[in-house]
N, C-alpha and C. Protein backbone atom coordinates (compact mmCIF):
# COMPACT_ATOMS: atom_id res chain seq x y z
N MET A 1 -2.26 57.98 14.64
CA MET A 1 -0.97 58.08 14.01
C MET A 1 -1.13 58.79 12.68
N SER A 2 -0.15 59.59 12.36
CA SER A 2 -0.17 60.34 11.11
C SER A 2 0.10 59.41 9.94
N ASP A 3 -0.61 59.64 8.82
CA ASP A 3 -0.35 58.88 7.61
C ASP A 3 1.01 59.22 7.04
N ALA A 4 1.59 60.33 7.46
CA ALA A 4 2.86 60.78 6.92
C ALA A 4 4.05 60.08 7.56
N LEU A 5 3.84 59.29 8.60
CA LEU A 5 4.97 58.62 9.25
C LEU A 5 5.51 57.53 8.34
N ARG A 6 6.83 57.51 8.19
CA ARG A 6 7.52 56.50 7.40
C ARG A 6 8.57 55.86 8.30
N VAL A 7 8.57 54.54 8.37
CA VAL A 7 9.56 53.82 9.16
C VAL A 7 10.58 53.24 8.20
N ARG A 8 11.84 53.48 8.50
CA ARG A 8 12.93 53.04 7.63
C ARG A 8 14.14 52.70 8.48
N PRO A 9 15.11 51.97 7.89
CA PRO A 9 16.36 51.74 8.62
C PRO A 9 17.05 53.08 8.88
N ALA A 10 17.59 53.23 10.06
CA ALA A 10 18.31 54.46 10.42
C ALA A 10 19.67 54.48 9.74
N THR A 11 20.19 55.69 9.57
CA THR A 11 21.51 55.90 8.97
C THR A 11 22.36 56.74 9.92
N LEU A 12 23.63 56.87 9.60
CA LEU A 12 24.52 57.72 10.40
C LEU A 12 24.00 59.15 10.49
N ASP A 13 23.38 59.63 9.43
CA ASP A 13 22.83 60.99 9.44
C ASP A 13 21.74 61.18 10.50
N ASP A 14 21.09 60.09 10.89
CA ASP A 14 20.01 60.15 11.89
C ASP A 14 20.51 60.19 13.32
N ILE A 15 21.75 59.81 13.54
CA ILE A 15 22.26 59.62 14.90
C ILE A 15 22.06 60.83 15.81
N PRO A 16 22.35 62.06 15.39
CA PRO A 16 22.13 63.19 16.31
C PRO A 16 20.68 63.30 16.80
N ARG A 17 19.72 63.10 15.91
CA ARG A 17 18.31 63.19 16.31
C ARG A 17 17.91 62.01 17.20
N LEU A 18 18.37 60.81 16.84
CA LEU A 18 18.07 59.64 17.67
C LEU A 18 18.65 59.82 19.07
N ALA A 19 19.89 60.30 19.13
CA ALA A 19 20.54 60.51 20.42
C ALA A 19 19.82 61.57 21.24
N ALA A 20 19.33 62.61 20.59
CA ALA A 20 18.58 63.64 21.31
C ALA A 20 17.29 63.07 21.90
N ILE A 21 16.60 62.25 21.12
CA ILE A 21 15.37 61.62 21.61
C ILE A 21 15.69 60.69 22.78
N GLU A 22 16.75 59.90 22.64
CA GLU A 22 17.15 58.98 23.71
C GLU A 22 17.54 59.73 24.97
N ASP A 23 18.30 60.81 24.82
CA ASP A 23 18.71 61.61 25.97
C ASP A 23 17.50 62.22 26.67
N LEU A 24 16.56 62.76 25.90
CA LEU A 24 15.35 63.34 26.49
C LEU A 24 14.48 62.27 27.16
N SER A 25 14.50 61.08 26.63
CA SER A 25 13.66 60.00 27.15
C SER A 25 14.28 59.29 28.35
N ASN A 26 15.58 59.04 28.29
CA ASN A 26 16.23 58.21 29.31
C ASN A 26 17.47 58.82 29.94
N GLY A 27 17.84 60.02 29.53
CA GLY A 27 18.97 60.70 30.13
C GLY A 27 20.32 60.08 29.83
N ARG A 28 20.46 59.43 28.70
CA ARG A 28 21.73 58.82 28.31
C ARG A 28 22.51 59.80 27.44
N ASP A 29 23.52 60.46 28.02
CA ASP A 29 24.27 61.42 27.22
C ASP A 29 25.29 60.76 26.30
N ALA A 30 25.56 59.49 26.45
CA ALA A 30 26.47 58.78 25.53
C ALA A 30 25.69 58.09 24.42
N ALA A 31 24.44 58.43 24.26
CA ALA A 31 23.57 57.74 23.31
C ALA A 31 24.09 57.81 21.89
N ALA A 32 24.68 58.92 21.48
CA ALA A 32 25.17 59.05 20.10
C ALA A 32 26.22 57.99 19.80
N ASP A 33 27.16 57.79 20.70
CA ASP A 33 28.20 56.78 20.49
C ASP A 33 27.61 55.38 20.46
N ILE A 34 26.70 55.10 21.37
CA ILE A 34 26.06 53.78 21.43
C ILE A 34 25.31 53.50 20.14
N LEU A 35 24.49 54.46 19.71
CA LEU A 35 23.67 54.26 18.53
C LEU A 35 24.52 54.18 17.26
N ALA A 36 25.54 55.00 17.16
CA ALA A 36 26.42 54.95 15.98
C ALA A 36 27.11 53.59 15.90
N SER A 37 27.52 53.06 17.04
CA SER A 37 28.19 51.76 17.03
C SER A 37 27.21 50.65 16.62
N GLU A 38 25.92 50.83 16.90
CA GLU A 38 24.93 49.84 16.49
C GLU A 38 24.93 49.67 14.97
N LEU A 39 25.14 50.75 14.26
CA LEU A 39 25.11 50.68 12.79
C LEU A 39 26.28 49.86 12.23
N THR A 40 27.28 49.56 13.04
CA THR A 40 28.42 48.77 12.58
C THR A 40 28.23 47.28 12.85
N ARG A 41 27.21 46.91 13.59
CA ARG A 41 27.00 45.51 13.98
C ARG A 41 26.01 44.84 13.03
N SER A 42 26.40 43.72 12.48
CA SER A 42 25.54 43.03 11.51
C SER A 42 24.24 42.54 12.14
N TRP A 43 24.22 42.30 13.42
CA TRP A 43 23.04 41.78 14.11
C TRP A 43 22.13 42.89 14.64
N ALA A 44 22.60 44.13 14.63
CA ALA A 44 21.80 45.25 15.15
C ALA A 44 20.81 45.73 14.10
N ARG A 45 19.66 46.16 14.58
CA ARG A 45 18.63 46.74 13.72
C ARG A 45 18.20 48.06 14.35
N LEU A 46 18.37 49.13 13.60
CA LEU A 46 18.04 50.47 14.09
C LEU A 46 17.04 51.07 13.11
N PHE A 47 15.84 51.36 13.60
CA PHE A 47 14.77 51.89 12.77
C PHE A 47 14.42 53.31 13.19
N ALA A 48 14.15 54.15 12.20
CA ALA A 48 13.75 55.54 12.45
C ALA A 48 12.34 55.74 11.94
N GLY A 49 11.53 56.40 12.75
CA GLY A 49 10.19 56.82 12.33
C GLY A 49 10.28 58.29 11.95
N GLU A 50 9.99 58.58 10.70
CA GLU A 50 10.21 59.92 10.16
C GLU A 50 8.88 60.51 9.69
N MET A 51 8.67 61.77 10.04
CA MET A 51 7.48 62.49 9.60
C MET A 51 7.92 63.86 9.14
N ASP A 52 7.52 64.23 7.95
CA ASP A 52 7.91 65.53 7.40
C ASP A 52 9.42 65.73 7.46
N ARG A 53 10.16 64.67 7.10
CA ARG A 53 11.63 64.67 7.06
C ARG A 53 12.29 64.88 8.42
N GLU A 54 11.57 64.66 9.48
CA GLU A 54 12.11 64.79 10.83
C GLU A 54 11.91 63.46 11.56
N VAL A 55 12.98 62.93 12.15
CA VAL A 55 12.86 61.69 12.92
C VAL A 55 12.15 62.01 14.23
N VAL A 56 11.06 61.29 14.48
CA VAL A 56 10.25 61.54 15.67
C VAL A 56 10.24 60.36 16.64
N ALA A 57 10.71 59.19 16.17
CA ALA A 57 10.74 58.00 17.02
C ALA A 57 11.77 57.04 16.46
N PHE A 58 12.23 56.12 17.32
CA PHE A 58 13.17 55.12 16.84
C PHE A 58 13.11 53.87 17.70
N LEU A 59 13.70 52.81 17.16
CA LEU A 59 13.83 51.55 17.86
C LEU A 59 15.21 50.99 17.57
N ASP A 60 15.84 50.47 18.61
CA ASP A 60 17.13 49.80 18.50
C ASP A 60 16.97 48.39 19.03
N GLY A 61 17.43 47.41 18.26
CA GLY A 61 17.35 46.03 18.71
C GLY A 61 18.39 45.16 18.05
N TRP A 62 18.47 43.95 18.52
CA TRP A 62 19.42 42.97 17.98
C TRP A 62 18.65 41.75 17.51
N LEU A 63 19.01 41.29 16.31
CA LEU A 63 18.48 40.05 15.77
C LEU A 63 19.55 38.98 15.93
N VAL A 64 19.34 38.08 16.86
CA VAL A 64 20.30 37.03 17.17
C VAL A 64 19.58 35.69 17.06
N ALA A 65 20.09 34.86 16.13
CA ALA A 65 19.46 33.57 15.84
C ALA A 65 18.01 33.82 15.46
N ASP A 66 17.08 33.27 16.21
CA ASP A 66 15.66 33.45 15.87
C ASP A 66 14.93 34.35 16.88
N GLU A 67 15.68 35.22 17.54
CA GLU A 67 15.07 36.12 18.54
C GLU A 67 15.46 37.57 18.25
N PHE A 68 14.48 38.46 18.34
CA PHE A 68 14.72 39.88 18.18
C PHE A 68 14.61 40.53 19.56
N GLU A 69 15.75 41.03 20.05
CA GLU A 69 15.81 41.66 21.37
C GLU A 69 15.70 43.17 21.20
N VAL A 70 14.62 43.74 21.70
CA VAL A 70 14.39 45.18 21.61
C VAL A 70 15.11 45.87 22.76
N HIS A 71 15.97 46.84 22.44
CA HIS A 71 16.72 47.56 23.46
C HIS A 71 16.08 48.90 23.81
N PHE A 72 15.78 49.70 22.82
CA PHE A 72 15.19 51.03 23.05
C PHE A 72 14.02 51.22 22.09
N VAL A 73 12.94 51.75 22.60
CA VAL A 73 11.87 52.29 21.77
C VAL A 73 11.59 53.66 22.36
N ALA A 74 11.69 54.69 21.55
CA ALA A 74 11.47 56.03 22.10
C ALA A 74 10.86 56.93 21.04
N SER A 75 9.99 57.81 21.51
CA SER A 75 9.43 58.89 20.69
C SER A 75 9.85 60.20 21.33
N HIS A 76 9.94 61.22 20.52
CA HIS A 76 10.25 62.54 21.09
C HIS A 76 9.19 62.85 22.15
N PRO A 77 9.60 63.32 23.33
CA PRO A 77 8.63 63.55 24.42
C PRO A 77 7.45 64.46 24.03
N SER A 78 7.66 65.42 23.17
CA SER A 78 6.56 66.32 22.79
C SER A 78 5.57 65.66 21.83
N LEU A 79 5.92 64.46 21.34
CA LEU A 79 5.08 63.79 20.35
C LEU A 79 4.57 62.42 20.83
N ARG A 80 4.65 62.18 22.11
CA ARG A 80 4.22 60.88 22.63
C ARG A 80 2.71 60.74 22.56
N ARG A 81 2.27 59.48 22.64
CA ARG A 81 0.84 59.12 22.67
C ARG A 81 0.16 59.44 21.33
N GLN A 82 0.94 59.46 20.26
CA GLN A 82 0.38 59.70 18.92
C GLN A 82 0.57 58.49 18.00
N GLY A 83 1.10 57.40 18.53
CA GLY A 83 1.25 56.18 17.76
C GLY A 83 2.56 56.01 17.03
N PHE A 84 3.49 56.95 17.20
CA PHE A 84 4.76 56.85 16.47
C PHE A 84 5.61 55.69 16.98
N GLY A 85 5.73 55.56 18.29
CA GLY A 85 6.48 54.44 18.85
C GLY A 85 5.85 53.11 18.47
N ALA A 86 4.54 53.04 18.49
CA ALA A 86 3.83 51.82 18.10
C ALA A 86 4.12 51.46 16.65
N ALA A 87 4.12 52.46 15.78
CA ALA A 87 4.38 52.21 14.36
C ALA A 87 5.80 51.70 14.14
N VAL A 88 6.76 52.28 14.84
CA VAL A 88 8.15 51.83 14.72
C VAL A 88 8.28 50.41 15.28
N LEU A 89 7.63 50.13 16.40
CA LEU A 89 7.66 48.79 16.97
C LEU A 89 7.05 47.78 15.99
N ASP A 90 5.89 48.09 15.45
CA ASP A 90 5.24 47.17 14.50
C ASP A 90 6.13 46.90 13.28
N ALA A 91 6.70 47.96 12.72
CA ALA A 91 7.55 47.79 11.54
C ALA A 91 8.78 46.96 11.86
N SER A 92 9.38 47.17 13.03
CA SER A 92 10.59 46.42 13.38
C SER A 92 10.26 44.96 13.65
N LEU A 93 9.13 44.68 14.29
CA LEU A 93 8.75 43.29 14.56
C LEU A 93 8.42 42.58 13.25
N THR A 94 7.79 43.29 12.32
CA THR A 94 7.49 42.71 11.01
C THR A 94 8.79 42.40 10.26
N ALA A 95 9.74 43.34 10.29
CA ALA A 95 11.02 43.13 9.63
C ALA A 95 11.78 41.97 10.26
N ALA A 96 11.77 41.90 11.59
CA ALA A 96 12.47 40.81 12.28
C ALA A 96 11.85 39.46 11.93
N ALA A 97 10.53 39.40 11.89
CA ALA A 97 9.86 38.15 11.53
C ALA A 97 10.22 37.75 10.10
N ALA A 98 10.27 38.73 9.20
CA ALA A 98 10.63 38.44 7.81
C ALA A 98 12.06 37.92 7.69
N GLU A 99 12.91 38.30 8.64
CA GLU A 99 14.30 37.83 8.64
C GLU A 99 14.47 36.51 9.39
N GLY A 100 13.38 35.95 9.90
CA GLY A 100 13.45 34.65 10.54
C GLY A 100 13.31 34.63 12.05
N ALA A 101 13.11 35.79 12.67
CA ALA A 101 12.90 35.80 14.12
C ALA A 101 11.56 35.16 14.45
N ARG A 102 11.55 34.33 15.46
CA ARG A 102 10.31 33.67 15.89
C ARG A 102 9.73 34.33 17.13
N THR A 103 10.60 34.96 17.93
CA THR A 103 10.15 35.63 19.15
C THR A 103 10.85 36.97 19.27
N SER A 104 10.28 37.82 20.11
CA SER A 104 10.92 39.08 20.49
C SER A 104 10.88 39.18 22.00
N VAL A 105 11.91 39.79 22.55
CA VAL A 105 12.01 39.95 24.00
C VAL A 105 12.45 41.37 24.29
N LEU A 106 12.02 41.90 25.43
CA LEU A 106 12.42 43.24 25.85
C LEU A 106 12.25 43.36 27.35
N GLU A 107 12.84 44.43 27.90
CA GLU A 107 12.68 44.75 29.31
C GLU A 107 11.98 46.09 29.42
N VAL A 108 11.16 46.23 30.44
CA VAL A 108 10.46 47.49 30.66
C VAL A 108 10.40 47.74 32.17
N ARG A 109 10.47 49.00 32.54
CA ARG A 109 10.36 49.33 33.96
C ARG A 109 8.98 48.94 34.49
N ARG A 110 8.98 48.42 35.71
CA ARG A 110 7.72 48.03 36.32
C ARG A 110 6.74 49.21 36.37
N GLY A 111 7.26 50.42 36.57
CA GLY A 111 6.39 51.59 36.69
C GLY A 111 5.99 52.22 35.37
N ASN A 112 6.49 51.73 34.26
CA ASN A 112 6.17 52.33 32.96
C ASN A 112 4.92 51.66 32.39
N VAL A 113 3.79 52.05 32.94
CA VAL A 113 2.51 51.44 32.59
C VAL A 113 2.14 51.71 31.13
N ALA A 114 2.44 52.89 30.63
CA ALA A 114 2.10 53.22 29.23
C ALA A 114 2.84 52.28 28.28
N ALA A 115 4.14 52.09 28.48
CA ALA A 115 4.91 51.20 27.62
C ALA A 115 4.41 49.76 27.75
N GLN A 116 4.10 49.34 28.96
CA GLN A 116 3.59 47.98 29.15
C GLN A 116 2.30 47.78 28.37
N GLY A 117 1.44 48.79 28.36
CA GLY A 117 0.19 48.71 27.60
C GLY A 117 0.44 48.55 26.11
N LEU A 118 1.39 49.32 25.59
CA LEU A 118 1.75 49.20 24.18
C LEU A 118 2.25 47.79 23.89
N TYR A 119 3.19 47.31 24.69
CA TYR A 119 3.77 45.99 24.43
C TYR A 119 2.72 44.88 24.55
N ARG A 120 1.86 44.97 25.54
CA ARG A 120 0.82 43.94 25.69
C ARG A 120 -0.14 43.96 24.51
N SER A 121 -0.43 45.15 23.98
CA SER A 121 -1.32 45.24 22.82
C SER A 121 -0.70 44.61 21.58
N ARG A 122 0.60 44.39 21.61
CA ARG A 122 1.31 43.76 20.49
C ARG A 122 1.61 42.30 20.77
N GLY A 123 1.05 41.75 21.84
CA GLY A 123 1.20 40.32 22.12
C GLY A 123 2.30 39.97 23.09
N PHE A 124 2.97 40.95 23.67
CA PHE A 124 4.03 40.66 24.64
C PHE A 124 3.40 40.26 25.97
N GLU A 125 4.03 39.29 26.63
CA GLU A 125 3.60 38.83 27.95
C GLU A 125 4.79 38.79 28.88
N VAL A 126 4.55 39.05 30.17
CA VAL A 126 5.61 39.00 31.17
C VAL A 126 6.06 37.55 31.34
N VAL A 127 7.38 37.34 31.23
CA VAL A 127 7.94 35.99 31.42
C VAL A 127 8.92 35.93 32.58
N ALA A 128 9.36 37.10 33.07
CA ALA A 128 10.30 37.13 34.20
C ALA A 128 10.33 38.53 34.79
N GLU A 129 10.90 38.61 35.99
CA GLU A 129 11.11 39.90 36.65
C GLU A 129 12.58 39.98 37.04
N ARG A 130 13.12 41.20 36.98
CA ARG A 130 14.49 41.44 37.43
C ARG A 130 14.42 42.48 38.54
N VAL A 131 14.61 42.01 39.76
CA VAL A 131 14.48 42.86 40.94
C VAL A 131 15.63 43.87 41.00
N ALA A 132 15.27 45.13 41.26
CA ALA A 132 16.25 46.22 41.40
C ALA A 132 17.20 46.28 40.21
N TYR A 133 16.69 46.08 39.03
CA TYR A 133 17.49 45.99 37.81
C TYR A 133 18.09 47.33 37.38
N TYR A 134 17.31 48.39 37.50
CA TYR A 134 17.78 49.70 37.04
C TYR A 134 18.60 50.40 38.12
N ARG A 135 19.42 51.34 37.67
CA ARG A 135 20.33 52.07 38.57
C ARG A 135 19.61 52.67 39.77
N ASP A 136 18.36 53.10 39.57
CA ASP A 136 17.61 53.72 40.66
C ASP A 136 16.90 52.70 41.55
N GLY A 137 17.10 51.40 41.27
CA GLY A 137 16.52 50.35 42.10
C GLY A 137 15.18 49.82 41.62
N GLU A 138 14.62 50.41 40.57
CA GLU A 138 13.33 49.94 40.07
C GLU A 138 13.49 48.57 39.41
N ASP A 139 12.45 47.74 39.54
CA ASP A 139 12.44 46.42 38.91
C ASP A 139 12.20 46.53 37.41
N ALA A 140 12.66 45.52 36.69
CA ALA A 140 12.37 45.38 35.26
C ALA A 140 11.47 44.17 35.07
N LEU A 141 10.57 44.29 34.14
CA LEU A 141 9.77 43.15 33.70
C LEU A 141 10.34 42.70 32.36
N VAL A 142 10.51 41.41 32.19
CA VAL A 142 10.97 40.85 30.92
C VAL A 142 9.73 40.35 30.19
N LEU A 143 9.54 40.84 28.97
CA LEU A 143 8.37 40.48 28.17
C LEU A 143 8.83 39.75 26.91
N ARG A 144 7.99 38.82 26.47
CA ARG A 144 8.29 38.05 25.26
C ARG A 144 7.03 38.01 24.39
N CYS A 145 7.26 37.97 23.07
CA CYS A 145 6.17 37.93 22.10
C CYS A 145 6.48 36.91 21.01
N ASP A 146 5.50 36.14 20.62
CA ASP A 146 5.61 35.24 19.47
C ASP A 146 5.40 36.09 18.22
N LEU A 147 6.33 36.03 17.29
CA LEU A 147 6.27 36.89 16.10
C LEU A 147 5.47 36.30 14.94
N ALA A 148 4.86 35.15 15.12
CA ALA A 148 4.08 34.56 14.03
C ALA A 148 3.00 35.54 13.54
N ARG A 149 2.46 36.33 14.43
CA ARG A 149 1.42 37.29 14.05
C ARG A 149 1.95 38.40 13.16
N TYR A 150 3.26 38.56 13.07
CA TYR A 150 3.86 39.62 12.26
C TYR A 150 4.32 39.14 10.89
N LEU A 151 4.20 37.87 10.61
CA LEU A 151 4.58 37.37 9.29
C LEU A 151 3.57 37.88 8.26
N GLY A 152 4.05 38.30 7.13
CA GLY A 152 3.16 38.75 6.07
C GLY A 152 2.88 40.23 6.06
N GLY A 153 3.53 41.01 6.91
CA GLY A 153 3.38 42.46 6.85
C GLY A 153 2.90 43.06 8.14
N PRO A 154 2.88 44.39 8.19
CA PRO A 154 2.51 45.08 9.43
C PRO A 154 1.07 44.80 9.82
N ARG A 155 0.85 44.73 11.09
CA ARG A 155 -0.51 44.56 11.61
C ARG A 155 -1.11 45.93 11.84
N THR A 156 -2.39 45.98 11.95
CA THR A 156 -3.03 47.26 12.21
C THR A 156 -2.92 47.59 13.68
N ALA A 157 -2.89 48.86 13.98
CA ALA A 157 -2.77 49.31 15.37
C ALA A 157 -4.01 48.90 16.14
N VAL A 158 -3.79 48.55 17.40
CA VAL A 158 -4.89 48.14 18.28
C VAL A 158 -5.46 49.36 18.95
């Protein structure tokens, strides 16, 4: 991961770049509207990973009671496997723990082995399966992580 990466809360100015990354990653053409609406919700947390003044990765999640639900983690496709998504995930889990979250939960496609590896390296474990969850019929795995390990600041990358 580049030392120049900075993770910060996303702003309305970031929405076009976040939406472009989301569209390239998951094919959601309504991503701009979805992400912009997240910024209006008090429980939503939207983080941008920025390098050289360009957003290269982001995370969208909800902090509800003592649980942080991760909705999207994405890096620009041309910049994957460089640790940007991991850095944004670590920063968001640290922030959520600092705000009182005790656990984090997310869903991942059964076939997305790279993402599963990232999540497992951060302490996530499979707690449930959702059969034929995605539009194309692929199953989802539900993963959960205890955030105690994130109290006190970011952890080092594994």
